[in-house]
Amino acid sequence: EKENPKPAKAEKAAPAKRGRGAKAEEEKKEEAKEEEEEVEEDEDLRKVIYKVCSESDLSTFTLRMVRDLLEKEHSVDVKAKKDLIRRYVDQFVADPAKAAEVVAGGAK
């Protein structure tokens, strides 16, 4: 009888089960951390906007003035935060007393 000239292939060991599950979990944690940091940044931005508004003459100031000031003095990317800036200015105008509490460190 003829012998098989090819040696038998060894079976590959199954890869460890760390792959997708662990990587996906790490990605979720990273995304959650980034979201938390963004929320903190947005909260800081809100306080700065409320402070700027409280120190301004509401009869003459504009959103453009607020955005310019945020960009120059606080290095805020106003293009990325334009809608958020508008919302916070609108909130301030609607309830300046509550905004003053936020600036002072009270209510959220």
PDB file of N, CA and C in Angstrom:
ATOM      1  N   GLU A   1       0.827  -1.181   0.000  1.00  0.00           N
ATOM      2  CA  GLU A   1       0.000   0.000   0.000  1.00  0.00           C
ATOM      3  C   GLU A   1       0.864   1.234   0.000  1.00  0.00           C
ATOM      4  N   LYS A   2       0.320   2.279  -0.608  1.00  0.00           N
ATOM      5  CA  LYS A   2       1.031   3.552  -0.633  1.00  0.00           C
ATOM      6  C   LYS A   2       0.786   4.306   0.662  1.00  0.00           C
ATOM      7  N   GLU A   3       1.850   4.965   1.110  1.00  0.00           N
ATOM      8  CA  GLU A   3       1.687   5.827   2.279  1.00  0.00           C
ATOM      9  C   GLU A   3       1.324   7.212   1.801  1.00  0.00           C
ATOM     10  N   ASN A   4       0.592   7.915   2.598  1.00  0.00           N
ATOM     11  CA  ASN A   4       0.193   9.276   2.262  1.00  0.00           C
ATOM     12  C   ASN A   4       1.430  10.161   2.401  1.00  0.00           C
ATOM     13  N   PRO A   5       1.905  10.786   1.278  1.00  0.00           N
ATOM     14  CA  PRO A   5       3.122  11.585   1.349  1.00  0.00           C
ATOM     15  C   PRO A   5       2.944  12.890   2.139  1.00  0.00           C
ATOM     16  N   LYS A   6       1.721  13.335   2.273  1.00  0.00           N
ATOM     17  CA  LYS A   6       1.491  14.578   3.013  1.00  0.00           C
ATOM     18  C   LYS A   6       1.286  14.258   4.488  1.00  0.00           C
ATOM     19  N   PRO A   7       2.021  14.987   5.348  1.00  0.00           N
ATOM     20  CA  PRO A   7       1.803  14.753   6.774  1.00  0.00           C
ATOM     21  C   PRO A   7       0.440  15.314   7.185  1.00  0.00           C
ATOM     22  N   ALA A   8      -0.124  14.749   8.181  1.00  0.00           N
ATOM     23  CA  ALA A   8      -1.428  15.211   8.663  1.00  0.00           C
ATOM     24  C   ALA A   8      -1.278  16.619   9.242  1.00  0.00           C
ATOM     25  N   LYS A   9      -2.234  17.475   8.919  1.00  0.00           N
ATOM     26  CA  LYS A   9      -2.193  18.842   9.429  1.00  0.00           C
ATOM     27  C   LYS A   9      -2.670  18.851  10.872  1.00  0.00           C
ATOM     28  N   ALA A  10      -1.933  19.607  11.656  1.00  0.00           N
ATOM     29  CA  ALA A  10      -2.341  19.736  13.052  1.00  0.00           C
ATOM     30  C   ALA A  10      -3.521  20.691  13.116  1.00  0.00           C
ATOM     31  N   GLU A  11      -4.444  20.403  13.965  1.00  0.00           N
ATOM     32  CA  GLU A  11      -5.597  21.271  14.102  1.00  0.00           C
ATOM     33  C   GLU A  11      -5.188  22.535  14.844  1.00  0.00           C
ATOM     34  N   LYS A  12      -5.702  23.639  14.343  1.00  0.00           N
ATOM     35  CA  LYS A  12      -5.393  24.914  14.983  1.00  0.00           C
ATOM     36  C   LYS A  12      -6.170  25.016  16.287  1.00  0.00           C
ATOM     37  N   ALA A  13      -5.497  25.599  17.268  1.00  0.00           N
ATOM     38  CA  ALA A  13      -6.176  25.812  18.545  1.00  0.00           C
ATOM     39  C   ALA A  13      -7.198  26.930  18.366  1.00  0.00           C
ATOM     40  N   ALA A  14      -8.312  26.773  19.002  1.00  0.00           N
ATOM     41  CA  ALA A  14      -9.348  27.801  18.914  1.00  0.00           C
ATOM     42  C   ALA A  14      -8.840  29.075  19.589  1.00  0.00           C
ATOM     43  N   PRO A  15      -9.075  30.218  18.957  1.00  0.00           N
ATOM     44  CA  PRO A  15      -8.625  31.468  19.573  1.00  0.00           C
ATOM     45  C   PRO A  15      -9.360  31.730  20.885  1.00  0.00           C
ATOM     46  N   ALA A  16      -8.707  32.429  21.749  1.00  0.00           N
ATOM     47  CA  ALA A  16      -9.310  32.759  23.036  1.00  0.00           C
ATOM     48  C   ALA A  16     -10.576  33.569  22.805  1.00  0.00           C
ATOM     49  N   LYS A  17     -11.548  33.416  23.647  1.00  0.00           N
ATOM     50  CA  LYS A  17     -12.839  34.074  23.472  1.00  0.00           C
ATOM     51  C   LYS A  17     -12.826  35.504  23.988  1.00  0.00           C
ATOM     52  N   ARG A  18     -11.776  36.232  23.762  1.00  0.00           N
ATOM     53  CA  ARG A  18     -11.693  37.617  24.205  1.00  0.00           C
ATOM     54  C   ARG A  18     -12.210  38.537  23.125  1.00  0.00           C
ATOM     55  N   GLY A  19     -11.972  38.217  21.923  1.00  0.00           N
ATOM     56  CA  GLY A  19     -12.289  38.963  20.716  1.00  0.00           C
ATOM     57  C   GLY A  19     -13.345  40.035  20.777  1.00  0.00           C
ATOM     58  N   ARG A  20     -14.456  39.817  20.108  1.00  0.00           N
ATOM     59  CA  ARG A  20     -15.461  40.856  19.891  1.00  0.00           C
ATOM     60  C   ARG A  20     -16.125  41.330  21.176  1.00  0.00           C
ATOM     61  N   GLY A  21     -16.454  40.429  22.066  1.00  0.00           N
ATOM     62  CA  GLY A  21     -17.169  40.807  23.281  1.00  0.00           C
ATOM     63  C   GLY A  21     -16.393  41.791  24.127  1.00  0.00           C
ATOM     64  N   ALA A  22     -15.133  41.500  24.380  1.00  0.00           N
ATOM     65  CA  ALA A  22     -14.309  42.381  25.210  1.00  0.00           C
ATOM     66  C   ALA A  22     -14.052  43.705  24.502  1.00  0.00           C
ATOM     67  N   LYS A  23     -13.812  43.623  23.216  1.00  0.00           N
ATOM     68  CA  LYS A  23     -13.539  44.846  22.454  1.00  0.00           C
ATOM     69  C   LYS A  23     -14.779  45.736  22.422  1.00  0.00           C
ATOM     70  N   ALA A  24     -15.929  45.137  22.225  1.00  0.00           N
ATOM     71  CA  ALA A  24     -17.174  45.900  22.206  1.00  0.00           C
ATOM     72  C   ALA A  24     -17.430  46.535  23.567  1.00  0.00           C
ATOM     73  N   GLU A  25     -17.133  45.814  24.624  1.00  0.00           N
ATOM     74  CA  GLU A  25     -17.314  46.336  25.982  1.00  0.00           C
ATOM     75  C   GLU A  25     -16.393  47.532  26.227  1.00  0.00           C
ATOM     76  N   GLU A  26     -15.147  47.431  25.770  1.00  0.00           N
ATOM     77  CA  GLU A  26     -14.203  48.543  25.912  1.00  0.00           C
ATOM     78  C   GLU A  26     -14.682  49.763  25.130  1.00  0.00           C
ATOM     79  N   GLU A  27     -15.214  49.536  23.929  1.00  0.00           N
ATOM     80  CA  GLU A  27     -15.717  50.637  23.110  1.00  0.00           C
ATOM     81  C   GLU A  27     -16.908  51.313  23.789  1.00  0.00           C
ATOM     82  N   LYS A  28     -17.799  50.515  24.402  1.00  0.00           N
ATOM     83  CA  LYS A  28     -18.945  51.075  25.103  1.00  0.00           C
ATOM     84  C   LYS A  28     -18.492  51.935  26.278  1.00  0.00           C
ATOM     85  N   LYS A  29     -17.500  51.450  27.019  1.00  0.00           N
ATOM     86  CA  LYS A  29     -16.979  52.218  28.154  1.00  0.00           C
ATOM     87  C   LYS A  29     -16.367  53.527  27.684  1.00  0.00           C
ATOM     88  N   GLU A  30     -15.622  53.478  26.584  1.00  0.00           N
ATOM     89  CA  GLU A  30     -14.990  54.678  26.038  1.00  0.00           C
ATOM     90  C   GLU A  30     -16.050  55.677  25.573  1.00  0.00           C
ATOM     91  N   GLU A  31     -17.092  55.185  24.899  1.00  0.00           N
ATOM     92  CA  GLU A  31     -18.167  56.069  24.443  1.00  0.00           C
ATOM     93  C   GLU A  31     -18.881  56.712  25.632  1.00  0.00           C
ATOM     94  N   ALA A  32     -19.128  55.932  26.674  1.00  0.00           N
ATOM     95  CA  ALA A  32     -19.791  56.462  27.868  1.00  0.00           C
ATOM     96  C   ALA A  32     -18.935  57.541  28.525  1.00  0.00           C
ATOM     97  N   LYS A  33     -17.634  57.306  28.565  1.00  0.00           N
ATOM     98  CA  LYS A  33     -16.718  58.291  29.151  1.00  0.00           C
ATOM     99  C   LYS A  33     -16.729  59.582  28.338  1.00  0.00           C
ATOM    100  N   GLU A  34     -16.707  59.464  27.008  1.00  0.00           N
ATOM    101  CA  GLU A  34     -16.739  60.637  26.138  1.00  0.00           C
ATOM    102  C   GLU A  34     -18.044  61.404  26.299  1.00  0.00           C
ATOM    103  N   GLU A  35     -19.164  60.676  26.418  1.00  0.00           N
ATOM    104  CA  GLU A  35     -20.460  61.323  26.605  1.00  0.00           C
ATOM    105  C   GLU A  35     -20.498  62.068  27.937  1.00  0.00           C
ATOM    106  N   GLU A  36     -19.943  61.450  28.973  1.00  0.00           N
ATOM    107  CA  GLU A  36     -19.901  62.082  30.286  1.00  0.00           C
ATOM    108  C   GLU A  36     -19.061  63.356  30.251  1.00  0.00           C
ATOM    109  N   GLU A  37     -17.922  63.289  29.569  1.00  0.00           N
ATOM    110  CA  GLU A  37     -17.071  64.471  29.440  1.00  0.00           C
ATOM    111  C   GLU A  37     -17.788  65.572  28.666  1.00  0.00           C
ATOM    112  N   GLU A  38     -18.537  65.185  27.634  1.00  0.00           N
ATOM    113  CA  GLU A  38     -19.266  66.173  26.841  1.00  0.00           C
ATOM    114  C   GLU A  38     -20.359  66.825  27.677  1.00  0.00           C
ATOM    115  N   VAL A  39     -21.030  66.036  28.509  1.00  0.00           N
ATOM    116  CA  VAL A  39     -22.069  66.592  29.379  1.00  0.00           C
ATOM    117  C   VAL A  39     -21.439  67.599  30.344  1.00  0.00           C
ATOM    118  N   GLU A  40     -20.293  67.257  30.910  1.00  0.00           N
ATOM    119  CA  GLU A  40     -19.605  68.179  31.810  1.00  0.00           C
ATOM    120  C   GLU A  40     -19.196  69.453  31.075  1.00  0.00           C
ATOM    121  N   GLU A  41     -18.675  69.302  29.864  1.00  0.00           N
ATOM    122  CA  GLU A  41     -18.292  70.463  29.058  1.00  0.00           C
ATOM    123  C   GLU A  41     -19.516  71.331  28.766  1.00  0.00           C
ATOM    124  N   ASP A  42     -20.642  70.698  28.438  1.00  0.00           N
ATOM    125  CA  ASP A  42     -21.862  71.436  28.136  1.00  0.00           C
ATOM    126  C   ASP A  42     -22.375  72.163  29.376  1.00  0.00           C
ATOM    127  N   GLU A  43     -22.257  71.533  30.524  1.00  0.00           N
ATOM    128  CA  GLU A  43     -22.682  72.175  31.767  1.00  0.00           C
ATOM    129  C   GLU A  43     -21.790  73.378  32.074  1.00  0.00           C
ATOM    130  N   ASP A  44     -20.494  73.232  31.866  1.00  0.00           N
ATOM    131  CA  ASP A  44     -19.575  74.359  32.040  1.00  0.00           C
ATOM    132  C   ASP A  44     -19.906  75.473  31.057  1.00  0.00           C
ATOM    133  N   LEU A  45     -20.213  75.087  29.821  1.00  0.00           N
ATOM    134  CA  LEU A  45     -20.583  76.063  28.800  1.00  0.00           C
ATOM    135  C   LEU A  45     -21.842  76.816  29.210  1.00  0.00           C
ATOM    136  N   ARG A  46     -22.803  76.097  29.749  1.00  0.00           N
ATOM    137  CA  ARG A  46     -24.051  76.732  30.198  1.00  0.00           C
ATOM    138  C   ARG A  46     -23.760  77.789  31.262  1.00  0.00           C
ATOM    139  N   LYS A  47     -22.911  77.444  32.221  1.00  0.00           N
ATOM    140  CA  LYS A  47     -22.575  78.400  33.281  1.00  0.00           C
ATOM    141  C   LYS A  47     -21.881  79.634  32.710  1.00  0.00           C
ATOM    142  N   VAL A  48     -20.973  79.421  31.763  1.00  0.00           N
ATOM    143  CA  VAL A  48     -20.271  80.552  31.145  1.00  0.00           C
ATOM    144  C   VAL A  48     -21.259  81.438  30.384  1.00  0.00           C
ATOM    145  N   ILE A  49     -22.157  80.820  29.638  1.00  0.00           N
ATOM    146  CA  ILE A  49     -23.145  81.587  28.869  1.00  0.00           C
ATOM    147  C   ILE A  49     -24.042  82.379  29.810  1.00  0.00           C
ATOM    148  N   TYR A  50     -24.511  81.743  30.875  1.00  0.00           N
ATOM    149  CA  TYR A  50     -25.369  82.441  31.829  1.00  0.00           C
ATOM    150  C   TYR A  50     -24.621  83.614  32.458  1.00  0.00           C
ATOM    151  N   LYS A  51     -23.355  83.419  32.759  1.00  0.00           N
ATOM    152  CA  LYS A  51     -22.552  84.492  33.361  1.00  0.00           C
ATOM    153  C   LYS A  51     -22.398  85.646  32.363  1.00  0.00           C
ATOM    154  N   VAL A  52     -22.074  85.313  31.121  1.00  0.00           N
ATOM    155  CA  VAL A  52     -21.926  86.329  30.079  1.00  0.00           C
ATOM    156  C   VAL A  52     -23.235  87.104  29.915  1.00  0.00           C
ATOM    157  N   CYS A  53     -24.340  86.384  29.866  1.00  0.00           N
ATOM    158  CA  CYS A  53     -25.636  87.030  29.691  1.00  0.00           C
ATOM    159  C   CYS A  53     -25.986  87.908  30.890  1.00  0.00           C
ATOM    160  N   SER A  54     -25.673  87.433  32.078  1.00  0.00           N
ATOM    161  CA  SER A  54     -26.014  88.210  33.273  1.00  0.00           C
ATOM    162  C   SER A  54     -25.195  89.500  33.366  1.00  0.00           C
ATOM    163  N   GLU A  55     -24.038  89.517  32.725  1.00  0.00           N
ATOM    164  CA  GLU A  55     -23.178  90.701  32.746  1.00  0.00           C
ATOM    165  C   GLU A  55     -23.410  91.614  31.536  1.00  0.00           C
ATOM    166  N   SER A  56     -24.347  91.234  30.679  1.00  0.00           N
ATOM    167  CA  SER A  56     -24.594  91.993  29.444  1.00  0.00           C
ATOM    168  C   SER A  56     -25.890  92.782  29.523  1.00  0.00           C
ATOM    169  N   ASP A  57     -25.988  93.769  28.685  1.00  0.00           N
ATOM    170  CA  ASP A  57     -27.216  94.549  28.550  1.00  0.00           C
ATOM    171  C   ASP A  57     -28.130  93.783  27.589  1.00  0.00           C
ATOM    172  N   LEU A  58     -29.169  93.183  28.136  1.00  0.00           N
ATOM    173  CA  LEU A  58     -30.039  92.330  27.327  1.00  0.00           C
ATOM    174  C   LEU A  58     -30.775  93.094  26.234  1.00  0.00           C
ATOM    175  N   SER A  59     -30.842  94.400  26.360  1.00  0.00           N
ATOM    176  CA  SER A  59     -31.544  95.172  25.322  1.00  0.00           C
ATOM    177  C   SER A  59     -30.674  95.378  24.081  1.00  0.00           C
ATOM    178  N   THR A  60     -29.364  95.130  24.216  1.00  0.00           N
ATOM    179  CA  THR A  60     -28.488  95.364  23.061  1.00  0.00           C
ATOM    180  C   THR A  60     -27.678  94.148  22.629  1.00  0.00           C
ATOM    181  N   PHE A  61     -27.614  93.131  23.462  1.00  0.00           N
ATOM    182  CA  PHE A  61     -26.732  92.030  23.080  1.00  0.00           C
ATOM    183  C   PHE A  61     -27.412  91.082  22.115  1.00  0.00           C
ATOM    184  N   THR A  62     -26.583  90.348  21.349  1.00  0.00           N
ATOM    185  CA  THR A  62     -27.084  89.413  20.344  1.00  0.00           C
ATOM    186  C   THR A  62     -26.406  88.063  20.527  1.00  0.00           C
ATOM    187  N   LEU A  63     -26.971  87.060  19.894  1.00  0.00           N
ATOM    188  CA  LEU A  63     -26.350  85.732  19.921  1.00  0.00           C
ATOM    189  C   LEU A  63     -24.943  85.781  19.316  1.00  0.00           C
ATOM    190  N   ARG A  64     -24.814  86.574  18.275  1.00  0.00           N
ATOM    191  CA  ARG A  64     -23.506  86.703  17.629  1.00  0.00           C
ATOM    192  C   ARG A  64     -22.462  87.231  18.614  1.00  0.00           C
ATOM    193  N   MET A  65     -22.865  88.193  19.425  1.00  0.00           N
ATOM    194  CA  MET A  65     -21.946  88.747  20.421  1.00  0.00           C
ATOM    195  C   MET A  65     -21.533  87.668  21.435  1.00  0.00           C
ATOM    196  N   VAL A  66     -22.493  86.860  21.846  1.00  0.00           N
ATOM    197  CA  VAL A  66     -22.205  85.783  22.793  1.00  0.00           C
ATOM    198  C   VAL A  66     -21.248  84.778  22.159  1.00  0.00           C
ATOM    199  N   ARG A  67     -21.535  84.372  20.924  1.00  0.00           N
ATOM    200  CA  ARG A  67     -20.671  83.400  20.243  1.00  0.00           C
ATOM    201  C   ARG A  67     -19.256  83.945  20.057  1.00  0.00           C
ATOM    202  N   ASP A  68     -19.151  85.208  19.655  1.00  0.00           N
ATOM    203  CA  ASP A  68     -17.819  85.819  19.477  1.00  0.00           C
ATOM    204  C   ASP A  68     -17.034  85.811  20.786  1.00  0.00           C
ATOM    205  N   LEU A  69     -17.705  86.178  21.856  1.00  0.00           N
ATOM    206  CA  LEU A  69     -17.044  86.219  23.160  1.00  0.00           C
ATOM    207  C   LEU A  69     -16.609  84.812  23.596  1.00  0.00           C
ATOM    208  N   LEU A  70     -17.479  83.823  23.394  1.00  0.00           N
ATOM    209  CA  LEU A  70     -17.146  82.445  23.761  1.00  0.00           C
ATOM    210  C   LEU A  70     -15.949  81.933  22.968  1.00  0.00           C
ATOM    211  N   GLU A  71     -15.927  82.294  21.702  1.00  0.00           N
ATOM    212  CA  GLU A  71     -14.848  81.845  20.829  1.00  0.00           C
ATOM    213  C   GLU A  71     -13.521  82.505  21.214  1.00  0.00           C
ATOM    214  N   LYS A  72     -13.542  83.795  21.449  1.00  0.00           N
ATOM    215  CA  LYS A  72     -12.305  84.531  21.740  1.00  0.00           C
ATOM    216  C   LYS A  72     -11.790  84.298  23.147  1.00  0.00           C
ATOM    217  N   GLU A  73     -12.662  84.392  24.142  1.00  0.00           N
ATOM    218  CA  GLU A  73     -12.221  84.354  25.533  1.00  0.00           C
ATOM    219  C   GLU A  73     -12.231  82.968  26.160  1.00  0.00           C
ATOM    220  N   HIS A  74     -13.012  82.057  25.602  1.00  0.00           N
ATOM    221  CA  HIS A  74     -13.144  80.733  26.220  1.00  0.00           C
ATOM    222  C   HIS A  74     -12.797  79.591  25.273  1.00  0.00           C
ATOM    223  N   SER A  75     -12.314  79.893  24.097  1.00  0.00           N
ATOM    224  CA  SER A  75     -11.886  78.889  23.107  1.00  0.00           C
ATOM    225  C   SER A  75     -12.954  77.830  22.822  1.00  0.00           C
ATOM    226  N   VAL A  76     -14.186  78.262  22.692  1.00  0.00           N
ATOM    227  CA  VAL A  76     -15.291  77.350  22.405  1.00  0.00           C
ATOM    228  C   VAL A  76     -15.441  77.220  20.894  1.00  0.00           C
ATOM    229  N   ASP A  77     -15.638  75.979  20.424  1.00  0.00           N
ATOM    230  CA  ASP A  77     -15.915  75.742  19.007  1.00  0.00           C
ATOM    231  C   ASP A  77     -17.385  76.093  18.773  1.00  0.00           C
ATOM    232  N   VAL A  78     -17.638  77.348  18.433  1.00  0.00           N
ATOM    233  CA  VAL A  78     -19.017  77.824  18.342  1.00  0.00           C
ATOM    234  C   VAL A  78     -19.801  77.195  17.198  1.00  0.00           C
ATOM    235  N   LYS A  79     -19.131  76.773  16.156  1.00  0.00           N
ATOM    236  CA  LYS A  79     -19.847  76.130  15.046  1.00  0.00           C
ATOM    237  C   LYS A  79     -20.460  74.808  15.507  1.00  0.00           C
ATOM    238  N   ALA A  80     -19.694  74.048  16.282  1.00  0.00           N
ATOM    239  CA  ALA A  80     -20.176  72.750  16.761  1.00  0.00           C
ATOM    240  C   ALA A  80     -21.246  72.900  17.841  1.00  0.00           C
ATOM    241  N   LYS A  81     -21.234  74.017  18.546  1.00  0.00           N
ATOM    242  CA  LYS A  81     -22.138  74.208  19.686  1.00  0.00           C
ATOM    243  C   LYS A  81     -23.195  75.283  19.442  1.00  0.00           C
ATOM    244  N   LYS A  82     -23.387  75.669  18.205  1.00  0.00           N
ATOM    245  CA  LYS A  82     -24.277  76.783  17.877  1.00  0.00           C
ATOM    246  C   LYS A  82     -25.694  76.589  18.427  1.00  0.00           C
ATOM    247  N   ASP A  83     -26.285  75.421  18.212  1.00  0.00           N
ATOM    248  CA  ASP A  83     -27.649  75.163  18.690  1.00  0.00           C
ATOM    249  C   ASP A  83     -27.713  75.165  20.218  1.00  0.00           C
ATOM    250  N   LEU A  84     -26.704  74.600  20.837  1.00  0.00           N
ATOM    251  CA  LEU A  84     -26.649  74.549  22.294  1.00  0.00           C
ATOM    252  C   LEU A  84     -26.517  75.960  22.878  1.00  0.00           C
ATOM    253  N   ILE A  85     -25.706  76.783  22.265  1.00  0.00           N
ATOM    254  CA  ILE A  85     -25.531  78.170  22.713  1.00  0.00           C
ATOM    255  C   ILE A  85     -26.865  78.911  22.633  1.00  0.00           C
ATOM    256  N   ARG A  86     -27.560  78.747  21.515  1.00  0.00           N
ATOM    257  CA  ARG A  86     -28.871  79.391  21.350  1.00  0.00           C
ATOM    258  C   ARG A  86     -29.836  78.925  22.440  1.00  0.00           C
ATOM    259  N   ARG A  87     -29.856  77.622  22.699  1.00  0.00           N
ATOM    260  CA  ARG A  87     -30.775  77.084  23.710  1.00  0.00           C
ATOM    261  C   ARG A  87     -30.476  77.676  25.091  1.00  0.00           C
ATOM    262  N   TYR A  88     -29.192  77.742  25.443  1.00  0.00           N
ATOM    263  CA  TYR A  88     -28.830  78.280  26.754  1.00  0.00           C
ATOM    264  C   TYR A  88     -29.140  79.772  26.864  1.00  0.00           C
ATOM    265  N   VAL A  89     -28.922  80.528  25.797  1.00  0.00           N
ATOM    266  CA  VAL A  89     -29.266  81.956  25.831  1.00  0.00           C
ATOM    267  C   VAL A  89     -30.784  82.100  25.966  1.00  0.00           C
ATOM    268  N   ASP A  90     -31.544  81.307  25.233  1.00  0.00           N
ATOM    269  CA  ASP A  90     -33.004  81.349  25.337  1.00  0.00           C
ATOM    270  C   ASP A  90     -33.466  81.005  26.758  1.00  0.00           C
ATOM    271  N   GLN A  91     -32.827  80.001  27.370  1.00  0.00           N
ATOM    272  CA  GLN A  91     -33.169  79.633  28.747  1.00  0.00           C
ATOM    273  C   GLN A  91     -32.879  80.784  29.701  1.00  0.00           C
ATOM    274  N   PHE A  92     -31.764  81.453  29.483  1.00  0.00           N
ATOM    275  CA  PHE A  92     -31.408  82.584  30.338  1.00  0.00           C
ATOM    276  C   PHE A  92     -32.449  83.687  30.218  1.00  0.00           C
ATOM    277  N   VAL A  93     -32.813  84.037  28.998  1.00  0.00           N
ATOM    278  CA  VAL A  93     -33.768  85.121  28.770  1.00  0.00           C
ATOM    279  C   VAL A  93     -35.131  84.758  29.371  1.00  0.00           C
ATOM    280  N   ALA A  94     -35.516  83.496  29.272  1.00  0.00           N
ATOM    281  CA  ALA A  94     -36.806  83.048  29.798  1.00  0.00           C
ATOM    282  C   ALA A  94     -36.853  83.095  31.323  1.00  0.00           C
ATOM    283  N   ASP A  95     -35.727  82.817  31.996  1.00  0.00           N
ATOM    284  CA  ASP A  95     -35.728  82.779  33.460  1.00  0.00           C
ATOM    285  C   ASP A  95     -34.370  83.206  34.015  1.00  0.00           C
ATOM    286  N   PRO A  96     -34.108  84.508  34.026  1.00  0.00           N
ATOM    287  CA  PRO A  96     -32.813  84.993  34.503  1.00  0.00           C
ATOM    288  C   PRO A  96     -32.537  84.661  35.968  1.00  0.00           C
ATOM    289  N   ALA A  97     -33.579  84.584  36.796  1.00  0.00           N
ATOM    290  CA  ALA A  97     -33.380  84.272  38.219  1.00  0.00           C
ATOM    291  C   ALA A  97     -32.837  82.852  38.390  1.00  0.00           C
ATOM    292  N   LYS A  98     -33.404  81.907  37.648  1.00  0.00           N
ATOM    293  CA  LYS A  98     -32.919  80.527  37.723  1.00  0.00           C
ATOM    294  C   LYS A  98     -31.492  80.448  37.188  1.00  0.00           C
ATOM    295  N   ALA A  99     -31.211  81.187  36.127  1.00  0.00           N
ATOM    296  CA  ALA A  99     -29.867  81.211  35.554  1.00  0.00           C
ATOM    297  C   ALA A  99     -28.866  81.744  36.569  1.00  0.00           C
ATOM    298  N   ALA A 100     -29.271  82.741  37.346  1.00  0.00           N
ATOM    299  CA  ALA A 100     -28.388  83.295  38.370  1.00  0.00           C
ATOM    300  C   ALA A 100     -28.048  82.243  39.418  1.00  0.00           C
ATOM    301  N   GLU A 101     -29.008  81.380  39.746  1.00  0.00           N
ATOM    302  CA  GLU A 101     -28.758  80.279  40.694  1.00  0.00           C
ATOM    303  C   GLU A 101     -27.720  79.312  40.137  1.00  0.00           C
ATOM    304  N   VAL A 102     -27.818  79.015  38.855  1.00  0.00           N
ATOM    305  CA  VAL A 102     -26.874  78.099  38.208  1.00  0.00           C
ATOM    306  C   VAL A 102     -25.463  78.683  38.254  1.00  0.00           C
ATOM    307  N   VAL A 103     -25.360  79.964  37.940  1.00  0.00           N
ATOM    308  CA  VAL A 103     -24.056  80.632  37.951  1.00  0.00           C
ATOM    309  C   VAL A 103     -23.474  80.609  39.353  1.00  0.00           C
ATOM    310  N   ALA A 104     -24.331  80.806  40.346  1.00  0.00           N
ATOM    311  CA  ALA A 104     -23.883  80.832  41.738  1.00  0.00           C
ATOM    312  C   ALA A 104     -23.556  79.436  42.263  1.00  0.00           C
ATOM    313  N   GLY A 105     -23.908  78.397  41.493  1.00  0.00           N
ATOM    314  CA  GLY A 105     -23.588  77.023  41.893  1.00  0.00           C
ATOM    315  C   GLY A 105     -24.733  76.293  42.523  1.00  0.00           C
ATOM    316  N   GLY A 106     -25.933  76.827  42.442  1.00  0.00           N
ATOM    317  CA  GLY A 106     -27.104  76.209  43.050  1.00  0.00           C
ATOM    318  C   GLY A 106     -27.758  75.190  42.148  1.00  0.00           C
ATOM    319  N   ALA A 107     -28.929  75.502  41.672  1.00  0.00           N
ATOM    320  CA  ALA A 107     -29.756  74.585  40.889  1.00  0.00           C
ATOM    321  C   ALA A 107     -29.107  74.230  39.567  1.00  0.00           C
ATOM    322  N   LYS A 108     -29.580  73.111  39.005  1.00  0.00           N
ATOM    323  CA  LYS A 108     -29.093  72.665  37.691  1.00  0.00           C
ATOM    324  C   LYS A 108     -30.120  72.983  36.651  1.00  0.00           C
TER     325      LYS A 108
END
